[in-house]
Amino acid sequence: MESNSNLGIDWNACVIASGRYIKSGLPDKAFEMLKTSEEYKHGNSKGAAWENLISTYASIGKKDLCFI
């Protein structure tokens, strides 16, 4: 995804990808995508981004990261 410069990547695309990794039984890859999505949040989307990130971190068992 990141290697293709024709794709517009934002935090939401990374969260969606992490959700697919979770459904595929790959929580480590999901965690990597969530960490990547943190780099892409900006501007007015920060609130929505954190809301999605926190719930997704919790769903993969990384609840300790929800209280930073």
N, C-alpha and C. Protein backbone atom coordinates (compact mmCIF):
# COMPACT_ATOMS: atom_id res chain seq x y z
N MET A 1 0.82 -1.18 0.00
CA MET A 1 0.00 0.00 0.00
C MET A 1 0.88 1.25 0.00
N GLU A 2 1.86 1.28 0.88
CA GLU A 2 2.72 2.46 0.97
C GLU A 2 3.67 2.58 -0.20
N SER A 3 4.01 1.45 -0.83
CA SER A 3 4.97 1.48 -1.93
C SER A 3 4.34 2.01 -3.22
N ASN A 4 3.01 2.02 -3.32
CA ASN A 4 2.33 2.52 -4.51
C ASN A 4 2.03 3.99 -4.31
N SER A 5 2.77 4.85 -5.00
CA SER A 5 2.62 6.29 -4.82
C SER A 5 1.33 6.83 -5.44
N ASN A 6 0.63 6.03 -6.22
CA ASN A 6 -0.63 6.47 -6.82
C ASN A 6 -1.80 6.42 -5.85
N LEU A 7 -1.63 5.71 -4.74
CA LEU A 7 -2.69 5.62 -3.75
C LEU A 7 -2.58 6.76 -2.75
N GLY A 8 -3.70 7.35 -2.42
CA GLY A 8 -3.72 8.37 -1.38
C GLY A 8 -3.94 7.70 -0.04
N ILE A 9 -2.94 7.70 0.80
CA ILE A 9 -3.03 7.02 2.09
C ILE A 9 -3.32 8.05 3.17
N ASP A 10 -4.30 7.75 4.00
CA ASP A 10 -4.57 8.57 5.16
C ASP A 10 -4.79 7.65 6.37
N TRP A 11 -5.06 8.23 7.51
CA TRP A 11 -5.21 7.42 8.72
C TRP A 11 -6.36 6.43 8.59
N ASN A 12 -7.43 6.83 7.91
CA ASN A 12 -8.59 5.96 7.79
C ASN A 12 -8.28 4.72 6.96
N ALA A 13 -7.51 4.87 5.90
CA ALA A 13 -7.13 3.71 5.08
C ALA A 13 -6.33 2.70 5.92
N CYS A 14 -5.48 3.21 6.77
CA CYS A 14 -4.68 2.33 7.63
C CYS A 14 -5.55 1.62 8.67
N VAL A 15 -6.53 2.33 9.22
CA VAL A 15 -7.44 1.71 10.19
C VAL A 15 -8.28 0.64 9.52
N ILE A 16 -8.74 0.91 8.30
CA ILE A 16 -9.51 -0.09 7.56
C ILE A 16 -8.65 -1.33 7.29
N ALA A 17 -7.40 -1.11 6.88
CA ALA A 17 -6.49 -2.23 6.64
C ALA A 17 -6.25 -3.02 7.92
N SER A 18 -6.10 -2.32 9.04
CA SER A 18 -5.88 -3.03 10.30
C SER A 18 -7.10 -3.87 10.67
N GLY A 19 -8.29 -3.38 10.38
CA GLY A 19 -9.49 -4.16 10.63
C GLY A 19 -9.53 -5.44 9.82
N ARG A 20 -9.05 -5.36 8.59
CA ARG A 20 -8.99 -6.55 7.74
C ARG A 20 -7.95 -7.54 8.27
N TYR A 21 -6.84 -7.02 8.78
CA TYR A 21 -5.84 -7.90 9.38
C TYR A 21 -6.41 -8.60 10.62
N ILE A 22 -7.19 -7.88 11.41
CA ILE A 22 -7.80 -8.47 12.59
C ILE A 22 -8.73 -9.60 12.18
N LYS A 23 -9.57 -9.36 11.19
CA LYS A 23 -10.50 -10.39 10.72
C LYS A 23 -9.78 -11.58 10.13
N SER A 24 -8.57 -11.35 9.62
CA SER A 24 -7.78 -12.45 9.04
C SER A 24 -6.96 -13.19 10.09
N GLY A 25 -7.05 -12.74 11.33
CA GLY A 25 -6.30 -13.40 12.40
C GLY A 25 -4.85 -12.99 12.48
N LEU A 26 -4.55 -11.76 12.04
CA LEU A 26 -3.17 -11.26 12.05
C LEU A 26 -3.08 -10.00 12.92
N PRO A 27 -3.19 -10.15 14.24
CA PRO A 27 -3.18 -8.97 15.11
C PRO A 27 -1.87 -8.20 15.10
N ASP A 28 -0.75 -8.86 14.85
CA ASP A 28 0.53 -8.15 14.81
C ASP A 28 0.60 -7.20 13.61
N LYS A 29 0.11 -7.66 12.46
CA LYS A 29 0.06 -6.78 11.28
C LYS A 29 -0.93 -5.64 11.51
N ALA A 30 -2.05 -5.95 12.20
CA ALA A 30 -3.04 -4.91 12.52
C ALA A 30 -2.39 -3.84 13.40
N PHE A 31 -1.60 -4.27 14.37
CA PHE A 31 -0.91 -3.34 15.26
C PHE A 31 0.04 -2.44 14.47
N GLU A 32 0.78 -3.03 13.53
CA GLU A 32 1.70 -2.24 12.70
C GLU A 32 0.94 -1.18 11.91
N MET A 33 -0.21 -1.55 11.34
CA MET A 33 -0.99 -0.59 10.56
C MET A 33 -1.56 0.52 11.45
N LEU A 34 -1.93 0.18 12.66
CA LEU A 34 -2.43 1.20 13.58
C LEU A 34 -1.33 2.20 13.94
N LYS A 35 -0.13 1.68 14.17
CA LYS A 35 0.99 2.59 14.46
C LYS A 35 1.26 3.49 13.26
N THR A 36 1.14 2.94 12.05
CA THR A 36 1.33 3.72 10.83
C THR A 36 0.25 4.79 10.71
N SER A 37 -0.98 4.44 11.06
CA SER A 37 -2.08 5.40 10.93
C SER A 37 -1.89 6.61 11.83
N GLU A 38 -1.20 6.43 12.94
CA GLU A 38 -0.95 7.56 13.84
C GLU A 38 -0.11 8.63 13.16
N GLU A 39 0.73 8.23 12.22
CA GLU A 39 1.57 9.19 11.50
C GLU A 39 0.77 10.04 10.52
N TYR A 40 -0.39 9.55 10.09
CA TYR A 40 -1.17 10.23 9.07
C TYR A 40 -2.31 11.10 9.60
N LYS A 41 -2.58 11.08 10.89
CA LYS A 41 -3.67 11.91 11.39
C LYS A 41 -3.21 13.37 11.48
N HIS A 42 -4.13 14.25 11.09
CA HIS A 42 -3.79 15.67 11.08
C HIS A 42 -5.07 16.51 11.06
N GLY A 43 -4.91 17.77 11.34
CA GLY A 43 -6.01 18.72 11.22
C GLY A 43 -7.24 18.36 12.01
N ASN A 44 -8.40 18.59 11.42
CA ASN A 44 -9.67 18.38 12.09
C ASN A 44 -10.02 16.90 12.29
N SER A 45 -9.30 16.01 11.62
CA SER A 45 -9.61 14.59 11.72
C SER A 45 -9.02 13.93 12.96
N LYS A 46 -8.25 14.66 13.75
CA LYS A 46 -7.59 14.05 14.90
C LYS A 46 -8.56 13.41 15.87
N GLY A 47 -9.68 14.06 16.15
CA GLY A 47 -10.65 13.50 17.10
C GLY A 47 -11.23 12.19 16.60
N ALA A 48 -11.66 12.19 15.35
CA ALA A 48 -12.22 10.97 14.76
C ALA A 48 -11.16 9.88 14.67
N ALA A 49 -9.94 10.28 14.34
CA ALA A 49 -8.86 9.30 14.23
C ALA A 49 -8.61 8.62 15.56
N TRP A 50 -8.49 9.40 16.64
CA TRP A 50 -8.23 8.82 17.95
C TRP A 50 -9.38 7.92 18.39
N GLU A 51 -10.59 8.32 18.07
CA GLU A 51 -11.76 7.50 18.43
C GLU A 51 -11.66 6.12 17.79
N ASN A 52 -11.32 6.09 16.51
CA ASN A 52 -11.17 4.82 15.80
C ASN A 52 -9.96 4.04 16.27
N LEU A 53 -8.85 4.73 16.49
CA LEU A 53 -7.63 4.06 16.92
C LEU A 53 -7.81 3.39 18.28
N ILE A 54 -8.41 4.10 19.20
CA ILE A 54 -8.57 3.55 20.55
C ILE A 54 -9.43 2.29 20.53
N SER A 55 -10.54 2.33 19.80
CA SER A 55 -11.40 1.15 19.78
C SER A 55 -10.72 -0.02 19.06
N THR A 56 -9.93 0.27 18.04
CA THR A 56 -9.25 -0.81 17.32
C THR A 56 -8.10 -1.38 18.15
N TYR A 57 -7.35 -0.52 18.83
CA TYR A 57 -6.31 -1.02 19.74
C TYR A 57 -6.93 -1.94 20.79
N ALA A 58 -8.07 -1.54 21.33
CA ALA A 58 -8.72 -2.35 22.35
C ALA A 58 -9.18 -3.69 21.79
N SER A 59 -9.62 -3.70 20.55
CA SER A 59 -10.12 -4.95 19.97
C SER A 59 -9.02 -5.98 19.73
N ILE A 60 -7.76 -5.52 19.63
CA ILE A 60 -6.66 -6.48 19.46
C ILE A 60 -5.93 -6.75 20.78
N GLY A 61 -6.51 -6.23 21.86
CA GLY A 61 -5.95 -6.52 23.17
C GLY A 61 -4.85 -5.58 23.62
N LYS A 62 -4.70 -4.46 22.97
CA LYS A 62 -3.68 -3.48 23.35
C LYS A 62 -4.32 -2.37 24.16
N LYS A 63 -5.05 -2.75 25.20
CA LYS A 63 -5.80 -1.78 25.99
C LYS A 63 -4.89 -0.83 26.74
N ASP A 64 -3.67 -1.25 27.03
CA ASP A 64 -2.73 -0.38 27.72
C ASP A 64 -2.38 0.84 26.88
N LEU A 65 -2.48 0.74 25.56
CA LEU A 65 -2.19 1.87 24.68
C LEU A 65 -3.35 2.85 24.58
N CYS A 66 -4.50 2.47 25.11
CA CYS A 66 -5.68 3.33 25.05
C CYS A 66 -5.65 4.42 26.11
N PHE A 67 -4.78 4.31 27.08
CA PHE A 67 -4.75 5.25 28.20
C PHE A 67 -3.46 6.04 28.24
N ILE A 68 -2.93 6.37 27.08
CA ILE A 68 -1.66 7.12 27.01
C ILE A 68 -1.90 8.56 27.32
